[in-house]
Amino acid sequence: MTTDNKGKTAINRVVTETHKARSARLKSIYQRKKDELGLTQETLRKLTGFKSQGAVSQYMNGKVSLNTDAIIRFARALQCKPEDIEPDIDLYYDEAEKMAAYEKLRFPYADQELMLPVIGTVSGELPKQQKVTTAGITYQSVAIELDAPTEAWPESRGYAIVDPTEIILASDKIAIMFRMRSGYHLFDLVSLDDDHLTVRSGSSQIELIKNQLSFLGKVLKFQ
């Protein structure tokens, strides 16, 4: 920190080689993902919450050092991990700060729309489209096309938005896929333990063994 001639504290903007390497990784991620996510530096500015597009440009071109707050903002907007920008991020966070940062990373801004991959269908056929756009979900979410009746909701059509990392509780709606099969199944969960889960299909209950499944995720919503 330094003090200017008006007595105000100015930010030290010394950019080290470490900071330049962060900026280079950030710029590479942006170049790789901008078409996929439909980004320009101005839309990236809006997603990160910085006041000017010039700030985004300065961070990306190594003119200003990326601190941990900026790393988290860019990671959220670019739908990547903070470690993708700074592999040694553990050196800059204590455990509490890391948990808070990852929680921020997990959930987008409330009105932010994300483009999700469509990972498959109920029927096992190829999905009609590869991506869907939605809001109000987690960055880990994926979509399953409901192109055929499902066990729990035979009238459902459209897409199930599913998070395979979300904690699942009894009475949640879940999506599963059995090993060596190509179609997804959707059920109401009755109970879950380390090795087994019980699901409801119509008026019946079915017990499944976890190691027979290749996919298990919580349904967040339908669209």
C-alpha atoms as a PDB file:
ATOM      1  CA  MET A   1       0.000   0.000   0.000  1.00  0.00           C
ATOM      2  CA  THR A   2       1.083   3.590  -0.639  1.00  0.00           C
ATOM      3  CA  THR A   3      -0.357   7.007   0.299  1.00  0.00           C
ATOM      4  CA  ASP A   4      -1.057   9.667  -2.334  1.00  0.00           C
ATOM      5  CA  ASN A   5      -0.607  13.432  -1.888  1.00  0.00           C
ATOM      6  CA  LYS A   6      -4.204  13.787  -0.685  1.00  0.00           C
ATOM      7  CA  GLY A   7      -3.633  11.387   2.171  1.00  0.00           C
ATOM      8  CA  LYS A   8      -5.708   8.586   0.661  1.00  0.00           C
ATOM      9  CA  THR A   9      -4.490   5.005   0.644  1.00  0.00           C
ATOM     10  CA  ALA A  10      -3.808   3.773  -2.900  1.00  0.00           C
ATOM     11  CA  ILE A  11      -3.840   0.153  -4.035  1.00  0.00           C
ATOM     12  CA  ASN A  12      -0.482  -1.386  -4.820  1.00  0.00           C
ATOM     13  CA  ARG A  13      -0.817  -2.527  -8.431  1.00  0.00           C
ATOM     14  CA  VAL A  14       2.519  -4.305  -8.754  1.00  0.00           C
ATOM     15  CA  VAL A  15       1.965  -7.303 -11.017  1.00  0.00           C
ATOM     16  CA  THR A  16       4.301 -10.235 -10.400  1.00  0.00           C
ATOM     17  CA  GLU A  17       5.041 -13.170 -12.699  1.00  0.00           C
ATOM     18  CA  THR A  18       2.613 -15.251 -10.613  1.00  0.00           C
ATOM     19  CA  HIS A  19      -0.124 -12.686 -11.237  1.00  0.00           C
ATOM     20  CA  LYS A  20       0.690 -12.602 -14.960  1.00  0.00           C
ATOM     21  CA  ALA A  21       0.358 -16.390 -15.110  1.00  0.00           C
ATOM     22  CA  ARG A  22      -3.095 -16.148 -13.491  1.00  0.00           C
ATOM     23  CA  SER A  23      -4.165 -13.578 -16.052  1.00  0.00           C
ATOM     24  CA  ALA A  24      -2.869 -15.726 -18.906  1.00  0.00           C
ATOM     25  CA  ARG A  25      -4.882 -18.723 -17.651  1.00  0.00           C
ATOM     26  CA  LEU A  26      -7.970 -16.527 -17.244  1.00  0.00           C
ATOM     27  CA  LYS A  27      -7.631 -15.172 -20.785  1.00  0.00           C
ATOM     28  CA  SER A  28      -7.163 -18.684 -22.181  1.00  0.00           C
ATOM     29  CA  ILE A  29     -10.321 -19.926 -20.414  1.00  0.00           C
ATOM     30  CA  TYR A  30     -12.280 -16.934 -21.729  1.00  0.00           C
ATOM     31  CA  GLN A  31     -11.085 -17.506 -25.304  1.00  0.00           C
ATOM     32  CA  ARG A  32     -11.976 -21.197 -25.053  1.00  0.00           C
ATOM     33  CA  LYS A  33     -15.455 -20.701 -23.569  1.00  0.00           C
ATOM     34  CA  LYS A  34     -16.703 -17.394 -24.954  1.00  0.00           C
ATOM     35  CA  ASP A  35     -18.499 -18.953 -27.952  1.00  0.00           C
ATOM     36  CA  GLU A  36     -19.983 -21.777 -25.892  1.00  0.00           C
ATOM     37  CA  LEU A  37     -21.320 -19.353 -23.266  1.00  0.00           C
ATOM     38  CA  GLY A  38     -22.116 -16.499 -25.668  1.00  0.00           C
ATOM     39  CA  LEU A  39     -19.767 -14.069 -23.923  1.00  0.00           C
ATOM     40  CA  THR A  40     -18.179 -10.768 -24.788  1.00  0.00           C
ATOM     41  CA  GLN A  41     -16.023  -8.771 -22.393  1.00  0.00           C
ATOM     42  CA  GLU A  42     -19.062  -6.580 -21.705  1.00  0.00           C
ATOM     43  CA  THR A  43     -21.351  -9.523 -20.857  1.00  0.00           C
ATOM     44  CA  LEU A  44     -18.503 -10.928 -18.755  1.00  0.00           C
ATOM     45  CA  ARG A  45     -18.374  -7.598 -16.922  1.00  0.00           C
ATOM     46  CA  LYS A  46     -22.083  -7.861 -16.116  1.00  0.00           C
ATOM     47  CA  LEU A  47     -21.732 -11.429 -14.861  1.00  0.00           C
ATOM     48  CA  THR A  48     -18.717 -10.594 -12.672  1.00  0.00           C
ATOM     49  CA  GLY A  49     -20.214  -7.366 -11.343  1.00  0.00           C
ATOM     50  CA  PHE A  50     -17.201  -5.179 -12.101  1.00  0.00           C
ATOM     51  CA  LYS A  51     -17.986  -1.520 -12.726  1.00  0.00           C
ATOM     52  CA  SER A  52     -16.334  -1.211 -16.123  1.00  0.00           C
ATOM     53  CA  GLN A  53     -15.380  -3.358 -19.077  1.00  0.00           C
ATOM     54  CA  GLY A  54     -11.913  -1.833 -18.721  1.00  0.00           C
ATOM     55  CA  ALA A  55     -11.509  -3.617 -15.381  1.00  0.00           C
ATOM     56  CA  VAL A  56     -12.187  -6.964 -17.067  1.00  0.00           C
ATOM     57  CA  SER A  57      -9.651  -6.149 -19.764  1.00  0.00           C
ATOM     58  CA  GLN A  58      -7.011  -5.110 -17.211  1.00  0.00           C
ATOM     59  CA  TYR A  59      -7.423  -8.318 -15.229  1.00  0.00           C
ATOM     60  CA  MET A  60      -7.327 -10.435 -18.362  1.00  0.00           C
ATOM     61  CA  ASN A  61      -4.249  -8.727 -19.804  1.00  0.00           C
ATOM     62  CA  GLY A  62      -2.236  -8.771 -16.587  1.00  0.00           C
ATOM     63  CA  LYS A  63      -2.387  -5.023 -15.963  1.00  0.00           C
ATOM     64  CA  VAL A  64      -3.988  -5.531 -12.541  1.00  0.00           C
ATOM     65  CA  SER A  65      -3.310  -8.504 -10.272  1.00  0.00           C
ATOM     66  CA  LEU A  66      -6.136 -11.020  -9.781  1.00  0.00           C
ATOM     67  CA  ASN A  67      -6.958 -11.307  -6.086  1.00  0.00           C
ATOM     68  CA  THR A  68      -9.076 -14.086  -4.619  1.00  0.00           C
ATOM     69  CA  ASP A  69     -12.326 -12.138  -4.927  1.00  0.00           C
ATOM     70  CA  ALA A  70     -11.709 -11.517  -8.641  1.00  0.00           C
ATOM     71  CA  ILE A  71     -10.769 -15.170  -9.185  1.00  0.00           C
ATOM     72  CA  ILE A  72     -14.074 -16.302  -7.669  1.00  0.00           C
ATOM     73  CA  ARG A  73     -16.071 -13.793  -9.716  1.00  0.00           C
ATOM     74  CA  PHE A  74     -14.466 -14.901 -12.976  1.00  0.00           C
ATOM     75  CA  ALA A  75     -14.810 -18.591 -12.078  1.00  0.00           C
ATOM     76  CA  ARG A  76     -18.544 -18.143 -11.498  1.00  0.00           C
ATOM     77  CA  ALA A  77     -19.043 -16.271 -14.748  1.00  0.00           C
ATOM     78  CA  LEU A  78     -16.935 -18.664 -16.830  1.00  0.00           C
ATOM     79  CA  GLN A  79     -18.416 -21.764 -15.155  1.00  0.00           C
ATOM     80  CA  CYS A  80     -15.002 -23.119 -14.184  1.00  0.00           C
ATOM     81  CA  LYS A  81     -13.202 -23.888 -10.938  1.00  0.00           C
ATOM     82  CA  PRO A  82     -11.078 -21.263  -9.154  1.00  0.00           C
ATOM     83  CA  GLU A  83      -8.175 -23.743  -9.483  1.00  0.00           C
ATOM     84  CA  ASP A  84      -8.408 -23.406 -13.266  1.00  0.00           C
ATOM     85  CA  ILE A  85      -7.334 -19.772 -12.862  1.00  0.00           C
ATOM     86  CA  GLU A  86      -5.005 -20.279  -9.873  1.00  0.00           C
ATOM     87  CA  PRO A  87      -3.911 -23.918  -9.321  1.00  0.00           C
ATOM     88  CA  ASP A  88      -2.301 -22.980  -5.990  1.00  0.00           C
ATOM     89  CA  ILE A  89      -5.406 -21.268  -4.641  1.00  0.00           C
ATOM     90  CA  ASP A  90      -5.150 -23.340  -1.448  1.00  0.00           C
ATOM     91  CA  LEU A  91      -2.171 -21.175  -0.523  1.00  0.00           C
ATOM     92  CA  TYR A  92      -4.383 -18.092  -0.467  1.00  0.00           C
ATOM     93  CA  TYR A  93      -7.406 -19.360   1.486  1.00  0.00           C
ATOM     94  CA  ASP A  94      -7.882 -20.747   4.964  1.00  0.00           C
ATOM     95  CA  GLU A  95     -10.446 -23.559   5.206  1.00  0.00           C
ATOM     96  CA  ALA A  96     -13.386 -21.302   6.146  1.00  0.00           C
ATOM     97  CA  GLU A  97     -12.679 -18.931   3.256  1.00  0.00           C
ATOM     98  CA  LYS A  98     -12.413 -21.849   0.843  1.00  0.00           C
ATOM     99  CA  MET A  99     -15.780 -23.255   1.895  1.00  0.00           C
ATOM    100  CA  ALA A 100     -17.411 -19.826   1.540  1.00  0.00           C
ATOM    101  CA  ALA A 101     -15.798 -19.317  -1.851  1.00  0.00           C
ATOM    102  CA  TYR A 102     -16.921 -22.702  -3.175  1.00  0.00           C
ATOM    103  CA  GLU A 103     -20.456 -22.096  -1.941  1.00  0.00           C
ATOM    104  CA  LYS A 104     -20.454 -18.856  -3.937  1.00  0.00           C
ATOM    105  CA  LEU A 105     -19.132 -20.756  -6.928  1.00  0.00           C
ATOM    106  CA  ARG A 106     -21.804 -23.432  -6.650  1.00  0.00           C
ATOM    107  CA  PHE A 107     -24.787 -21.133  -7.129  1.00  0.00           C
ATOM    108  CA  PRO A 108     -25.037 -18.498  -9.877  1.00  0.00           C
ATOM    109  CA  TYR A 109     -26.665 -15.128  -9.390  1.00  0.00           C
ATOM    110  CA  ALA A 110     -30.417 -15.623  -8.933  1.00  0.00           C
ATOM    111  CA  ASP A 111     -31.409 -14.434 -12.410  1.00  0.00           C
ATOM    112  CA  GLN A 112     -28.348 -15.745 -14.264  1.00  0.00           C
ATOM    113  CA  GLU A 113     -29.158 -18.201 -17.039  1.00  0.00           C
ATOM    114  CA  LEU A 114     -26.760 -21.077 -17.671  1.00  0.00           C
ATOM    115  CA  MET A 115     -26.364 -23.322 -20.688  1.00  0.00           C
ATOM    116  CA  LEU A 116     -26.519 -26.964 -19.556  1.00  0.00           C
ATOM    117  CA  PRO A 117     -25.470 -30.085 -21.448  1.00  0.00           C
ATOM    118  CA  VAL A 118     -28.245 -32.567 -22.280  1.00  0.00           C
ATOM    119  CA  ILE A 119     -26.637 -35.826 -21.140  1.00  0.00           C
ATOM    120  CA  GLY A 120     -29.297 -38.243 -22.403  1.00  0.00           C
ATOM    121  CA  THR A 121     -32.943 -39.201 -22.667  1.00  0.00           C
ATOM    122  CA  VAL A 122     -35.489 -41.401 -20.921  1.00  0.00           C
ATOM    123  CA  SER A 123     -35.907 -43.555 -24.025  1.00  0.00           C
ATOM    124  CA  GLY A 124     -32.177 -44.073 -24.589  1.00  0.00           C
ATOM    125  CA  GLU A 125     -32.345 -42.348 -27.975  1.00  0.00           C
ATOM    126  CA  LEU A 126     -30.038 -39.449 -28.812  1.00  0.00           C
ATOM    127  CA  PRO A 127     -31.374 -36.128 -27.441  1.00  0.00           C
ATOM    128  CA  LYS A 128     -32.939 -33.679 -29.891  1.00  0.00           C
ATOM    129  CA  GLN A 129     -30.585 -30.903 -28.785  1.00  0.00           C
ATOM    130  CA  GLN A 130     -27.242 -30.840 -27.015  1.00  0.00           C
ATOM    131  CA  LYS A 131     -27.827 -27.928 -24.635  1.00  0.00           C
ATOM    132  CA  VAL A 132     -30.664 -26.170 -22.833  1.00  0.00           C
ATOM    133  CA  THR A 133     -30.667 -22.792 -21.096  1.00  0.00           C
ATOM    134  CA  THR A 134     -32.196 -22.244 -17.680  1.00  0.00           C
ATOM    135  CA  ALA A 135     -31.799 -20.228 -14.465  1.00  0.00           C
ATOM    136  CA  GLY A 136     -32.121 -20.879 -10.738  1.00  0.00           C
ATOM    137  CA  ILE A 137     -29.911 -23.975 -10.630  1.00  0.00           C
ATOM    138  CA  THR A 138     -26.343 -24.978  -9.730  1.00  0.00           C
ATOM    139  CA  TYR A 139     -23.289 -24.902 -11.974  1.00  0.00           C
ATOM    140  CA  GLN A 140     -23.060 -28.699 -11.703  1.00  0.00           C
ATOM    141  CA  SER A 141     -26.539 -29.226 -13.160  1.00  0.00           C
ATOM    142  CA  VAL A 142     -27.248 -31.215 -16.315  1.00  0.00           C
ATOM    143  CA  ALA A 143     -30.407 -31.843 -18.343  1.00  0.00           C
ATOM    144  CA  ILE A 144     -32.191 -35.082 -19.235  1.00  0.00           C
ATOM    145  CA  GLU A 145     -34.707 -35.040 -22.078  1.00  0.00           C
ATOM    146  CA  LEU A 146     -38.096 -36.463 -21.094  1.00  0.00           C
ATOM    147  CA  ASP A 147     -38.910 -37.953 -24.487  1.00  0.00           C
ATOM    148  CA  ALA A 148     -40.941 -40.887 -23.143  1.00  0.00           C
ATOM    149  CA  PRO A 149     -43.179 -41.579 -20.125  1.00  0.00           C
ATOM    150  CA  THR A 150     -41.289 -41.942 -16.847  1.00  0.00           C
ATOM    151  CA  GLU A 151     -42.077 -44.220 -13.920  1.00  0.00           C
ATOM    152  CA  ALA A 152     -42.877 -41.430 -11.469  1.00  0.00           C
ATOM    153  CA  TRP A 153     -44.380 -38.834 -13.827  1.00  0.00           C
ATOM    154  CA  PRO A 154     -45.806 -40.479 -16.973  1.00  0.00           C
ATOM    155  CA  GLU A 155     -47.175 -37.169 -18.302  1.00  0.00           C
ATOM    156  CA  SER A 156     -43.908 -35.210 -17.997  1.00  0.00           C
ATOM    157  CA  ARG A 157     -42.317 -33.808 -21.136  1.00  0.00           C
ATOM    158  CA  GLY A 158     -39.500 -31.377 -21.758  1.00  0.00           C
ATOM    159  CA  TYR A 159     -36.368 -31.627 -19.601  1.00  0.00           C
ATOM    160  CA  ALA A 160     -35.484 -32.641 -16.073  1.00  0.00           C
ATOM    161  CA  ILE A 161     -32.749 -30.427 -14.602  1.00  0.00           C
ATOM    162  CA  VAL A 162     -30.586 -32.635 -12.393  1.00  0.00           C
ATOM    163  CA  ASP A 163     -27.626 -32.034 -10.039  1.00  0.00           C
ATOM    164  CA  PRO A 164     -25.553 -35.191  -9.438  1.00  0.00           C
ATOM    165  CA  THR A 165     -23.614 -33.465  -6.605  1.00  0.00           C
ATOM    166  CA  GLU A 166     -26.588 -32.248  -4.562  1.00  0.00           C
ATOM    167  CA  ILE A 167     -27.409 -33.997  -1.259  1.00  0.00           C
ATOM    168  CA  ILE A 168     -30.441 -36.262  -1.775  1.00  0.00           C
ATOM    169  CA  LEU A 169     -33.070 -36.714   0.926  1.00  0.00           C
ATOM    170  CA  ALA A 170     -36.124 -38.950   1.270  1.00  0.00           C
ATOM    171  CA  SER A 171     -39.087 -37.673  -0.793  1.00  0.00           C
ATOM    172  CA  ASP A 172     -36.783 -35.948  -3.311  1.00  0.00           C
ATOM    173  CA  LYS A 173     -37.246 -36.644  -6.997  1.00  0.00           C
ATOM    174  CA  ILE A 174     -34.214 -38.406  -8.473  1.00  0.00           C
ATOM    175  CA  ALA A 175     -32.843 -39.484 -11.849  1.00  0.00           C
ATOM    176  CA  ILE A 176     -30.836 -42.678 -12.268  1.00  0.00           C
ATOM    177  CA  MET A 177     -29.218 -44.755 -14.973  1.00  0.00           C
ATOM    178  CA  PHE A 178     -28.400 -48.445 -14.639  1.00  0.00           C
ATOM    179  CA  ARG A 179     -25.000 -49.717 -15.702  1.00  0.00           C
ATOM    180  CA  MET A 180     -24.900 -51.106 -19.244  1.00  0.00           C
ATOM    181  CA  ARG A 181     -28.171 -49.314 -20.140  1.00  0.00           C
ATOM    182  CA  SER A 182     -28.701 -46.134 -22.110  1.00  0.00           C
ATOM    183  CA  GLY A 183     -31.966 -44.635 -20.827  1.00  0.00           C
ATOM    184  CA  TYR A 184     -32.548 -42.597 -17.657  1.00  0.00           C
ATOM    185  CA  HIS A 185     -35.235 -43.390 -15.083  1.00  0.00           C
ATOM    186  CA  LEU A 186     -36.962 -40.863 -12.808  1.00  0.00           C
ATOM    187  CA  PHE A 187     -38.393 -41.843  -9.419  1.00  0.00           C
ATOM    188  CA  ASP A 188     -39.547 -40.483  -6.076  1.00  0.00           C
ATOM    189  CA  LEU A 189     -36.973 -41.446  -3.438  1.00  0.00           C
ATOM    190  CA  VAL A 190     -38.312 -43.275  -0.368  1.00  0.00           C
ATOM    191  CA  SER A 191     -35.062 -43.953   1.522  1.00  0.00           C
ATOM    192  CA  LEU A 192     -31.316 -43.955   0.967  1.00  0.00           C
ATOM    193  CA  ASP A 193     -28.324 -45.458   2.768  1.00  0.00           C
ATOM    194  CA  ASP A 194     -24.691 -46.139   1.919  1.00  0.00           C
ATOM    195  CA  ASP A 195     -25.381 -49.161  -0.306  1.00  0.00           C
ATOM    196  CA  HIS A 196     -29.091 -49.184  -1.186  1.00  0.00           C
ATOM    197  CA  LEU A 197     -31.933 -46.890  -2.108  1.00  0.00           C
ATOM    198  CA  THR A 198     -35.665 -47.480  -2.183  1.00  0.00           C
ATOM    199  CA  VAL A 199     -37.746 -45.695  -4.808  1.00  0.00           C
ATOM    200  CA  ARG A 200     -41.434 -45.428  -5.566  1.00  0.00           C
ATOM    201  CA  SER A 201     -42.836 -46.370  -8.964  1.00  0.00           C
ATOM    202  CA  GLY A 202     -46.584 -45.828  -9.070  1.00  0.00           C
ATOM    203  CA  SER A 203     -47.974 -47.666  -6.041  1.00  0.00           C
ATOM    204  CA  SER A 204     -44.944 -49.988  -5.769  1.00  0.00           C
ATOM    205  CA  GLN A 205     -41.597 -49.613  -4.019  1.00  0.00           C
ATOM    206  CA  ILE A 206     -38.376 -50.903  -5.563  1.00  0.00           C
ATOM    207  CA  GLU A 207     -35.084 -51.505  -3.780  1.00  0.00           C
ATOM    208  CA  LEU A 208     -31.958 -50.729  -5.817  1.00  0.00           C
ATOM    209  CA  ILE A 209     -28.281 -51.372  -5.127  1.00  0.00           C
ATOM    210  CA  LYS A 210     -26.118 -48.302  -5.596  1.00  0.00           C
ATOM    211  CA  ASN A 211     -23.262 -50.088  -7.343  1.00  0.00           C
ATOM    212  CA  GLN A 212     -25.708 -51.158 -10.067  1.00  0.00           C
ATOM    213  CA  LEU A 213     -26.121 -47.504 -11.047  1.00  0.00           C
ATOM    214  CA  SER A 214     -23.920 -45.448 -13.329  1.00  0.00           C
ATOM    215  CA  PHE A 215     -25.754 -42.170 -12.555  1.00  0.00           C
ATOM    216  CA  LEU A 216     -27.685 -40.799  -9.584  1.00  0.00           C
ATOM    217  CA  GLY A 217     -28.782 -37.181  -9.245  1.00  0.00           C
ATOM    218  CA  LYS A 218     -31.359 -34.971  -7.579  1.00  0.00           C
ATOM    219  CA  VAL A 219     -34.008 -33.452  -9.850  1.00  0.00           C
ATOM    220  CA  LEU A 220     -34.045 -29.704  -9.197  1.00  0.00           C
ATOM    221  CA  LYS A 221     -36.887 -28.804 -11.558  1.00  0.00           C
ATOM    222  CA  PHE A 222     -38.627 -29.536 -14.842  1.00  0.00           C
ATOM    223  CA  GLN A 223     -38.883 -27.264 -17.839  1.00  0.00           C
END
